[in-house]
Amino acid sequence: MQINKFSDFSLRVLIHLAAESEKTLTTREIAERQNISFNHLAKVSRWLVAEGYATATRGRGGGIMLAQPADTILIGSVLRKSEAGSALVECLAPDGQCIFSSACGLLPMLTGAQEAFFLHLDQFTLQDVIDRHGTIRTLAASFTDETKKTAI
């Protein structure tokens, strides 16, 4: 199964927020670190706030941070929500145009496979992602240190 860019970017933002949970990050900082369009990440950040995964503070010193502990955010849940409008194949789309949809046996098979994908990912939290190899926090910190060095 392939996830869409919106879901990919959502996970990347959450990983940054979890890896640097002691501080507030701006969407622009994350966009620069990930080499992703700020406009794309701004949309993702707004969605993460609306879904309750992040909180946002406006103004000087503002930014976003996790709204709940990383060990309570299920990867499967995030993807299930962020992929809600995406269909694995045409027949799973709400406006799908496949002429076989009403009688095809493939539909329940694909639906079951997709749910199995999400259920597998429900076993893992955002905390599991950042603890997996123990280097995500180091990578995030080294990027911050390199950015500071080049700015001086």
N, C-alpha and C. Protein backbone atom coordinates (compact mmCIF):
# COMPACT_ATOMS: atom_id res chain seq x y z
N MET A 1 0.85 -1.17 0.00
CA MET A 1 0.00 0.00 0.00
C MET A 1 0.89 1.23 0.00
N GLN A 2 0.45 2.24 -0.68
CA GLN A 2 1.20 3.48 -0.75
C GLN A 2 0.39 4.59 -0.09
N ILE A 3 1.04 5.35 0.77
CA ILE A 3 0.34 6.47 1.40
C ILE A 3 0.56 7.73 0.56
N ASN A 4 -0.37 8.67 0.66
CA ASN A 4 -0.24 9.90 -0.11
C ASN A 4 0.75 10.86 0.55
N LYS A 5 1.12 11.90 -0.18
CA LYS A 5 2.12 12.86 0.32
C LYS A 5 1.64 13.56 1.58
N PHE A 6 0.35 13.86 1.64
CA PHE A 6 -0.20 14.52 2.82
C PHE A 6 0.05 13.68 4.07
N SER A 7 -0.18 12.38 3.96
CA SER A 7 0.05 11.47 5.09
C SER A 7 1.54 11.40 5.43
N ASP A 8 2.36 11.30 4.42
CA ASP A 8 3.82 11.26 4.61
C ASP A 8 4.28 12.51 5.34
N PHE A 9 3.84 13.67 4.87
CA PHE A 9 4.23 14.92 5.49
C PHE A 9 3.69 15.04 6.91
N SER A 10 2.49 14.53 7.14
CA SER A 10 1.90 14.55 8.49
C SER A 10 2.78 13.76 9.46
N LEU A 11 3.21 12.59 9.03
CA LEU A 11 4.08 11.78 9.89
C LEU A 11 5.42 12.46 10.13
N ARG A 12 5.97 13.09 9.10
CA ARG A 12 7.25 13.78 9.27
C ARG A 12 7.15 14.93 10.28
N VAL A 13 6.06 15.69 10.19
CA VAL A 13 5.87 16.80 11.15
C VAL A 13 5.74 16.23 12.56
N LEU A 14 4.93 15.19 12.71
CA LEU A 14 4.76 14.59 14.04
C LEU A 14 6.09 14.06 14.58
N ILE A 15 6.89 13.46 13.73
CA ILE A 15 8.20 12.96 14.16
C ILE A 15 9.08 14.11 14.65
N HIS A 16 9.10 15.20 13.90
CA HIS A 16 9.88 16.37 14.35
C HIS A 16 9.38 16.86 15.70
N LEU A 17 8.07 16.97 15.84
CA LEU A 17 7.52 17.48 17.10
C LEU A 17 7.84 16.54 18.26
N ALA A 18 7.79 15.25 18.02
CA ALA A 18 8.10 14.28 19.08
C ALA A 18 9.59 14.26 19.41
N ALA A 19 10.42 14.38 18.38
CA ALA A 19 11.87 14.34 18.59
C ALA A 19 12.36 15.56 19.36
N GLU A 20 11.67 16.67 19.19
CA GLU A 20 12.06 17.90 19.88
C GLU A 20 10.91 18.39 20.75
N SER A 21 10.36 17.49 21.53
CA SER A 21 9.16 17.76 22.31
C SER A 21 9.32 18.85 23.36
N GLU A 22 10.54 19.17 23.70
CA GLU A 22 10.76 20.19 24.73
C GLU A 22 10.65 21.62 24.20
N LYS A 23 10.46 21.77 22.89
CA LYS A 23 10.34 23.12 22.35
C LYS A 23 9.27 23.21 21.27
N THR A 24 8.91 24.44 20.99
CA THR A 24 7.94 24.73 19.94
C THR A 24 8.70 24.93 18.64
N LEU A 25 8.21 24.33 17.57
CA LEU A 25 8.84 24.46 16.25
C LEU A 25 7.89 25.20 15.32
N THR A 26 8.45 25.96 14.42
CA THR A 26 7.59 26.60 13.42
C THR A 26 7.46 25.67 12.22
N THR A 27 6.37 25.83 11.52
CA THR A 27 6.17 25.05 10.30
C THR A 27 7.27 25.36 9.30
N ARG A 28 7.70 26.60 9.25
CA ARG A 28 8.77 26.99 8.33
C ARG A 28 10.07 26.25 8.66
N GLU A 29 10.40 26.13 9.95
CA GLU A 29 11.61 25.38 10.36
C GLU A 29 11.54 23.94 9.87
N ILE A 30 10.40 23.32 10.09
CA ILE A 30 10.25 21.92 9.68
C ILE A 30 10.32 21.81 8.17
N ALA A 31 9.69 22.73 7.45
CA ALA A 31 9.72 22.72 5.98
C ALA A 31 11.15 22.83 5.47
N GLU A 32 11.95 23.71 6.08
CA GLU A 32 13.35 23.87 5.67
C GLU A 32 14.15 22.61 5.96
N ARG A 33 13.94 22.03 7.12
CA ARG A 33 14.68 20.83 7.50
C ARG A 33 14.35 19.66 6.58
N GLN A 34 13.09 19.56 6.19
CA GLN A 34 12.65 18.44 5.34
C GLN A 34 12.74 18.76 3.85
N ASN A 35 13.10 20.00 3.53
CA ASN A 35 13.15 20.43 2.13
C ASN A 35 11.80 20.20 1.43
N ILE A 36 10.74 20.65 2.11
CA ILE A 36 9.37 20.53 1.62
C ILE A 36 8.78 21.94 1.54
N SER A 37 7.91 22.13 0.60
CA SER A 37 7.24 23.42 0.44
C SER A 37 6.55 23.84 1.74
N PHE A 38 6.79 25.09 2.15
CA PHE A 38 6.14 25.63 3.34
C PHE A 38 4.63 25.58 3.19
N ASN A 39 4.12 25.90 2.01
CA ASN A 39 2.67 25.90 1.81
C ASN A 39 2.05 24.52 2.04
N HIS A 40 2.74 23.47 1.59
CA HIS A 40 2.25 22.11 1.83
C HIS A 40 2.22 21.82 3.33
N LEU A 41 3.30 22.16 4.03
CA LEU A 41 3.37 21.86 5.45
C LEU A 41 2.44 22.73 6.28
N ALA A 42 2.14 23.92 5.81
CA ALA A 42 1.19 24.77 6.53
C ALA A 42 -0.19 24.09 6.55
N LYS A 43 -0.57 23.51 5.43
CA LYS A 43 -1.85 22.79 5.34
C LYS A 43 -1.82 21.58 6.28
N VAL A 44 -0.72 20.85 6.28
CA VAL A 44 -0.55 19.69 7.15
C VAL A 44 -0.63 20.11 8.61
N SER A 45 0.08 21.18 8.96
CA SER A 45 0.09 21.66 10.35
C SER A 45 -1.30 22.04 10.81
N ARG A 46 -2.04 22.74 9.96
CA ARG A 46 -3.43 23.11 10.32
C ARG A 46 -4.27 21.86 10.55
N TRP A 47 -4.09 20.84 9.71
CA TRP A 47 -4.85 19.60 9.87
C TRP A 47 -4.48 18.90 11.17
N LEU A 48 -3.18 18.85 11.50
CA LEU A 48 -2.73 18.21 12.74
C LEU A 48 -3.31 18.91 13.96
N VAL A 49 -3.42 20.23 13.90
CA VAL A 49 -4.02 20.99 15.00
C VAL A 49 -5.52 20.69 15.06
N ALA A 50 -6.19 20.71 13.92
CA ALA A 50 -7.64 20.44 13.88
C ALA A 50 -7.98 19.04 14.39
N GLU A 51 -7.10 18.09 14.13
CA GLU A 51 -7.33 16.70 14.56
C GLU A 51 -6.90 16.46 16.01
N GLY A 52 -6.29 17.45 16.64
CA GLY A 52 -5.90 17.32 18.04
C GLY A 52 -4.55 16.67 18.29
N TYR A 53 -3.76 16.51 17.23
CA TYR A 53 -2.42 15.94 17.40
C TYR A 53 -1.40 17.00 17.80
N ALA A 54 -1.66 18.24 17.44
CA ALA A 54 -0.73 19.34 17.73
C ALA A 54 -1.51 20.54 18.24
N THR A 55 -0.80 21.43 18.89
CA THR A 55 -1.36 22.72 19.29
C THR A 55 -0.51 23.80 18.63
N ALA A 56 -1.14 24.93 18.38
CA ALA A 56 -0.43 26.03 17.72
C ALA A 56 -0.50 27.28 18.58
N THR A 57 0.60 28.02 18.56
CA THR A 57 0.67 29.30 19.25
C THR A 57 1.08 30.33 18.21
N ARG A 58 0.34 31.42 18.15
CA ARG A 58 0.64 32.48 17.18
C ARG A 58 1.60 33.50 17.76
N GLY A 59 2.19 34.29 16.88
CA GLY A 59 3.02 35.40 17.30
C GLY A 59 4.48 35.02 17.50
N ARG A 60 5.21 36.00 18.00
CA ARG A 60 6.64 35.81 18.24
C ARG A 60 6.85 34.67 19.23
N GLY A 61 7.74 33.77 18.89
CA GLY A 61 7.98 32.61 19.74
C GLY A 61 6.93 31.52 19.58
N GLY A 62 6.02 31.73 18.65
CA GLY A 62 4.96 30.75 18.42
C GLY A 62 5.42 29.60 17.55
N GLY A 63 4.52 28.72 17.32
CA GLY A 63 4.80 27.55 16.49
C GLY A 63 3.86 26.43 16.86
N ILE A 64 4.29 25.21 16.60
CA ILE A 64 3.46 24.07 16.94
C ILE A 64 4.23 23.10 17.81
N MET A 65 3.48 22.33 18.58
CA MET A 65 4.05 21.27 19.40
C MET A 65 2.99 20.19 19.57
N LEU A 66 3.41 19.02 20.02
CA LEU A 66 2.46 17.93 20.23
C LEU A 66 1.41 18.33 21.25
N ALA A 67 0.18 17.92 21.00
CA ALA A 67 -0.91 18.21 21.91
C ALA A 67 -1.11 17.07 22.91
N GLN A 68 -0.48 15.95 22.67
CA GLN A 68 -0.60 14.79 23.55
C GLN A 68 0.73 14.04 23.54
N PRO A 69 0.95 13.21 24.52
CA PRO A 69 2.22 12.48 24.57
C PRO A 69 2.41 11.59 23.34
N ALA A 70 3.64 11.48 22.89
CA ALA A 70 3.96 10.69 21.69
C ALA A 70 3.57 9.22 21.86
N ASP A 71 3.56 8.73 23.09
CA ASP A 71 3.20 7.32 23.29
C ASP A 71 1.70 7.06 23.25
N THR A 72 0.91 8.10 23.01
CA THR A 72 -0.55 7.92 22.88
C THR A 72 -1.02 8.11 21.44
N ILE A 73 -0.12 8.52 20.56
CA ILE A 73 -0.49 8.77 19.16
C ILE A 73 -0.19 7.51 18.35
N LEU A 74 -1.25 6.85 17.90
CA LEU A 74 -1.11 5.63 17.12
C LEU A 74 -0.87 5.96 15.65
N ILE A 75 0.15 5.36 15.08
CA ILE A 75 0.48 5.60 13.67
C ILE A 75 -0.68 5.20 12.77
N GLY A 76 -1.32 4.07 13.06
CA GLY A 76 -2.46 3.62 12.26
C GLY A 76 -3.60 4.61 12.30
N SER A 77 -3.85 5.19 13.44
CA SER A 77 -4.92 6.18 13.59
C SER A 77 -4.65 7.44 12.77
N VAL A 78 -3.41 7.91 12.83
CA VAL A 78 -3.03 9.09 12.04
C VAL A 78 -3.25 8.82 10.56
N LEU A 79 -2.76 7.68 10.09
CA LEU A 79 -2.89 7.35 8.67
C LEU A 79 -4.33 7.09 8.27
N ARG A 80 -5.09 6.45 9.12
CA ARG A 80 -6.50 6.18 8.82
C ARG A 80 -7.23 7.51 8.57
N LYS A 81 -6.93 8.51 9.39
CA LYS A 81 -7.56 9.83 9.24
C LYS A 81 -7.02 10.59 8.03
N SER A 82 -5.70 10.58 7.87
CA SER A 82 -5.11 11.37 6.79
C SER A 82 -5.36 10.75 5.42
N GLU A 83 -5.62 9.46 5.39
CA GLU A 83 -5.89 8.76 4.13
C GLU A 83 -7.39 8.63 3.86
N ALA A 84 -8.23 9.20 4.71
CA ALA A 84 -9.68 9.02 4.61
C ALA A 84 -10.23 9.33 3.23
N GLY A 85 -9.72 10.32 2.55
CA GLY A 85 -10.24 10.69 1.24
C GLY A 85 -9.55 9.98 0.08
N SER A 86 -8.56 9.15 0.39
CA SER A 86 -7.80 8.48 -0.66
C SER A 86 -8.30 7.05 -0.83
N ALA A 87 -8.50 6.67 -2.07
CA ALA A 87 -8.95 5.31 -2.35
C ALA A 87 -7.78 4.49 -2.86
N LEU A 88 -7.69 3.25 -2.40
CA LEU A 88 -6.65 2.34 -2.85
C LEU A 88 -6.77 2.10 -4.35
N VAL A 89 -7.99 1.92 -4.81
CA VAL A 89 -8.31 1.78 -6.24
C VAL A 89 -9.63 2.50 -6.51
N GLU A 90 -9.94 2.69 -7.75
CA GLU A 90 -11.12 3.45 -8.15
C GLU A 90 -12.42 2.97 -7.50
N CYS A 91 -12.59 1.66 -7.40
CA CYS A 91 -13.86 1.16 -6.86
C CYS A 91 -14.06 1.48 -5.39
N LEU A 92 -13.00 1.84 -4.67
CA LEU A 92 -13.13 2.22 -3.27
C LEU A 92 -13.40 3.71 -3.10
N ALA A 93 -13.30 4.48 -4.15
CA ALA A 93 -13.55 5.92 -4.09
C ALA A 93 -15.06 6.17 -4.02
N PRO A 94 -15.47 7.16 -3.23
CA PRO A 94 -16.90 7.47 -3.12
C PRO A 94 -17.54 7.77 -4.48
N ASP A 95 -16.78 8.36 -5.36
CA ASP A 95 -17.31 8.70 -6.69
C ASP A 95 -16.72 7.80 -7.78
N GLY A 96 -16.30 6.60 -7.38
CA GLY A 96 -15.69 5.67 -8.31
C GLY A 96 -16.59 5.35 -9.50
N GLN A 97 -15.98 5.14 -10.66
CA GLN A 97 -16.72 4.94 -11.89
C GLN A 97 -16.61 3.52 -12.45
N CYS A 98 -16.10 2.58 -11.68
CA CYS A 98 -15.94 1.21 -12.19
C CYS A 98 -17.31 0.55 -12.37
N ILE A 99 -17.56 0.00 -13.53
CA ILE A 99 -18.86 -0.61 -13.81
C ILE A 99 -19.06 -1.92 -13.05
N PHE A 100 -18.01 -2.52 -12.53
CA PHE A 100 -18.12 -3.78 -11.80
C PHE A 100 -18.35 -3.60 -10.30
N SER A 101 -18.28 -2.38 -9.79
CA SER A 101 -18.31 -2.12 -8.35
C SER A 101 -19.45 -2.82 -7.61
N SER A 102 -20.63 -2.84 -8.18
CA SER A 102 -21.78 -3.40 -7.47
C SER A 102 -21.71 -4.93 -7.33
N ALA A 103 -20.92 -5.60 -8.17
CA ALA A 103 -20.90 -7.06 -8.15
C ALA A 103 -19.51 -7.66 -7.95
N CYS A 104 -18.49 -6.85 -7.91
CA CYS A 104 -17.11 -7.33 -7.89
C CYS A 104 -16.71 -7.86 -6.52
N GLY A 105 -16.05 -8.99 -6.50
CA GLY A 105 -15.56 -9.57 -5.26
C GLY A 105 -14.24 -8.98 -4.80
N LEU A 106 -13.64 -8.15 -5.63
CA LEU A 106 -12.36 -7.53 -5.27
C LEU A 106 -12.54 -6.47 -4.19
N LEU A 107 -13.66 -5.78 -4.20
CA LEU A 107 -13.91 -4.69 -3.26
C LEU A 107 -13.73 -5.12 -1.80
N PRO A 108 -14.39 -6.17 -1.33
CA PRO A 108 -14.19 -6.55 0.09
C PRO A 108 -12.77 -7.05 0.38
N MET A 109 -12.12 -7.62 -0.60
CA MET A 109 -10.74 -8.09 -0.41
C MET A 109 -9.80 -6.91 -0.19
N LEU A 110 -9.95 -5.89 -1.03
CA LEU A 110 -9.09 -4.71 -0.91
C LEU A 110 -9.41 -3.92 0.35
N THR A 111 -10.68 -3.83 0.69
CA THR A 111 -11.07 -3.13 1.91
C THR A 111 -10.47 -3.83 3.12
N GLY A 112 -10.53 -5.17 3.14
CA GLY A 112 -9.94 -5.94 4.24
C GLY A 112 -8.43 -5.78 4.32
N ALA A 113 -7.78 -5.77 3.17
CA ALA A 113 -6.32 -5.59 3.14
C ALA A 113 -5.93 -4.21 3.66
N GLN A 114 -6.69 -3.20 3.26
CA GLN A 114 -6.41 -1.85 3.72
C GLN A 114 -6.59 -1.75 5.23
N GLU A 115 -7.65 -2.35 5.76
CA GLU A 115 -7.88 -2.31 7.20
C GLU A 115 -6.79 -3.08 7.95
N ALA A 116 -6.32 -4.19 7.38
CA ALA A 116 -5.23 -4.95 8.00
C ALA A 116 -3.96 -4.09 8.08
N PHE A 117 -3.72 -3.29 7.06
CA PHE A 117 -2.59 -2.36 7.04
C PHE A 117 -2.68 -1.40 8.22
N PHE A 118 -3.86 -0.78 8.39
CA PHE A 118 -4.06 0.17 9.49
C PHE A 118 -3.98 -0.53 10.84
N LEU A 119 -4.56 -1.70 10.96
CA LEU A 119 -4.53 -2.44 12.23
C LEU A 119 -3.09 -2.78 12.62
N HIS A 120 -2.28 -3.16 11.66
CA HIS A 120 -0.87 -3.45 11.96
C HIS A 120 -0.19 -2.19 12.50
N LEU A 121 -0.45 -1.05 11.87
CA LEU A 121 0.18 0.19 12.30
C LEU A 121 -0.39 0.71 13.61
N ASP A 122 -1.59 0.26 14.00
CA ASP A 122 -2.16 0.63 15.29
C ASP A 122 -1.36 0.05 16.45
N GLN A 123 -0.47 -0.89 16.18
CA GLN A 123 0.37 -1.47 17.22
C GLN A 123 1.52 -0.55 17.61
N PHE A 124 1.74 0.50 16.82
CA PHE A 124 2.90 1.36 17.02
C PHE A 124 2.47 2.79 17.31
N THR A 125 3.22 3.42 18.21
CA THR A 125 2.95 4.81 18.55
C THR A 125 4.05 5.70 17.95
N LEU A 126 3.82 6.98 18.01
CA LEU A 126 4.82 7.94 17.57
C LEU A 126 6.09 7.77 18.41
N GLN A 127 5.93 7.44 19.67
CA GLN A 127 7.10 7.21 20.54
C GLN A 127 7.93 6.04 20.03
N ASP A 128 7.27 4.98 19.55
CA ASP A 128 7.99 3.84 18.97
C ASP A 128 8.84 4.28 17.78
N VAL A 129 8.30 5.19 16.99
CA VAL A 129 9.01 5.66 15.80
C VAL A 129 10.29 6.38 16.20
N ILE A 130 10.20 7.27 17.17
CA ILE A 130 11.40 8.04 17.52
C ILE A 130 12.38 7.25 18.38
N ASP A 131 11.90 6.19 19.03
CA ASP A 131 12.79 5.36 19.85
C ASP A 131 13.39 4.19 19.09
N ARG A 132 12.91 3.93 17.89
CA ARG A 132 13.26 2.72 17.13
C ARG A 132 14.77 2.48 17.08
N HIS A 133 15.53 3.45 16.69
CA HIS A 133 16.98 3.29 16.61
C HIS A 133 17.73 4.27 17.50
N GLY A 134 16.98 5.12 18.17
CA GLY A 134 17.58 6.05 19.10
C GLY A 134 18.34 7.20 18.47
N THR A 135 18.20 7.39 17.17
CA THR A 135 19.00 8.45 16.53
C THR A 135 18.17 9.63 16.03
N ILE A 136 16.87 9.54 16.05
CA ILE A 136 16.06 10.64 15.51
C ILE A 136 16.29 11.92 16.30
N ARG A 137 16.32 11.82 17.62
CA ARG A 137 16.57 13.02 18.43
C ARG A 137 17.96 13.60 18.12
N THR A 138 18.93 12.72 17.93
CA THR A 138 20.28 13.15 17.59
C THR A 138 20.30 13.86 16.25
N LEU A 139 19.61 13.27 15.27
CA LEU A 139 19.55 13.90 13.94
C LEU A 139 18.88 15.27 14.01
N ALA A 140 17.78 15.36 14.74
CA ALA A 140 17.08 16.64 14.87
C ALA A 140 17.98 17.67 15.56
N ALA A 141 18.66 17.27 16.60
CA ALA A 141 19.56 18.19 17.32
C ALA A 141 20.74 18.60 16.47
N SER A 142 21.31 17.67 15.71
CA SER A 142 22.46 18.03 14.88
C SER A 142 22.06 18.98 13.78
N PHE A 143 20.86 18.83 13.26
CA PHE A 143 20.40 19.76 12.25
C PHE A 143 20.29 21.16 12.84
N THR A 144 19.73 21.24 14.03
CA THR A 144 19.60 22.53 14.71
C THR A 144 20.98 23.14 14.94
N ASP A 145 21.94 22.34 15.39
CA ASP A 145 23.29 22.84 15.63
C ASP A 145 23.95 23.31 14.34
N GLU A 146 23.79 22.57 13.25
CA GLU A 146 24.37 22.95 11.95
C GLU A 146 23.74 24.25 11.46
N THR A 147 22.43 24.39 11.65
CA THR A 147 21.75 25.61 11.21
C THR A 147 22.30 26.81 11.96
N LYS A 148 22.51 26.65 13.28
CA LYS A 148 23.04 27.74 14.09
C LYS A 148 24.45 28.11 13.65
N LYS A 149 25.28 27.09 13.32
CA LYS A 149 26.66 27.36 12.90
C LYS A 149 26.71 28.14 11.60
N THR A 150 25.85 27.78 10.64
CA THR A 150 25.87 28.47 9.36
C THR A 150 25.27 29.85 9.44
N ALA A 151 24.45 30.09 10.46
CA ALA A 151 23.84 31.42 10.61
C ALA A 151 24.80 32.42 11.23
N ILE A 152 25.84 31.94 11.90
CA ILE A 152 26.78 32.83 12.60
C ILE A 152 27.77 33.44 11.64
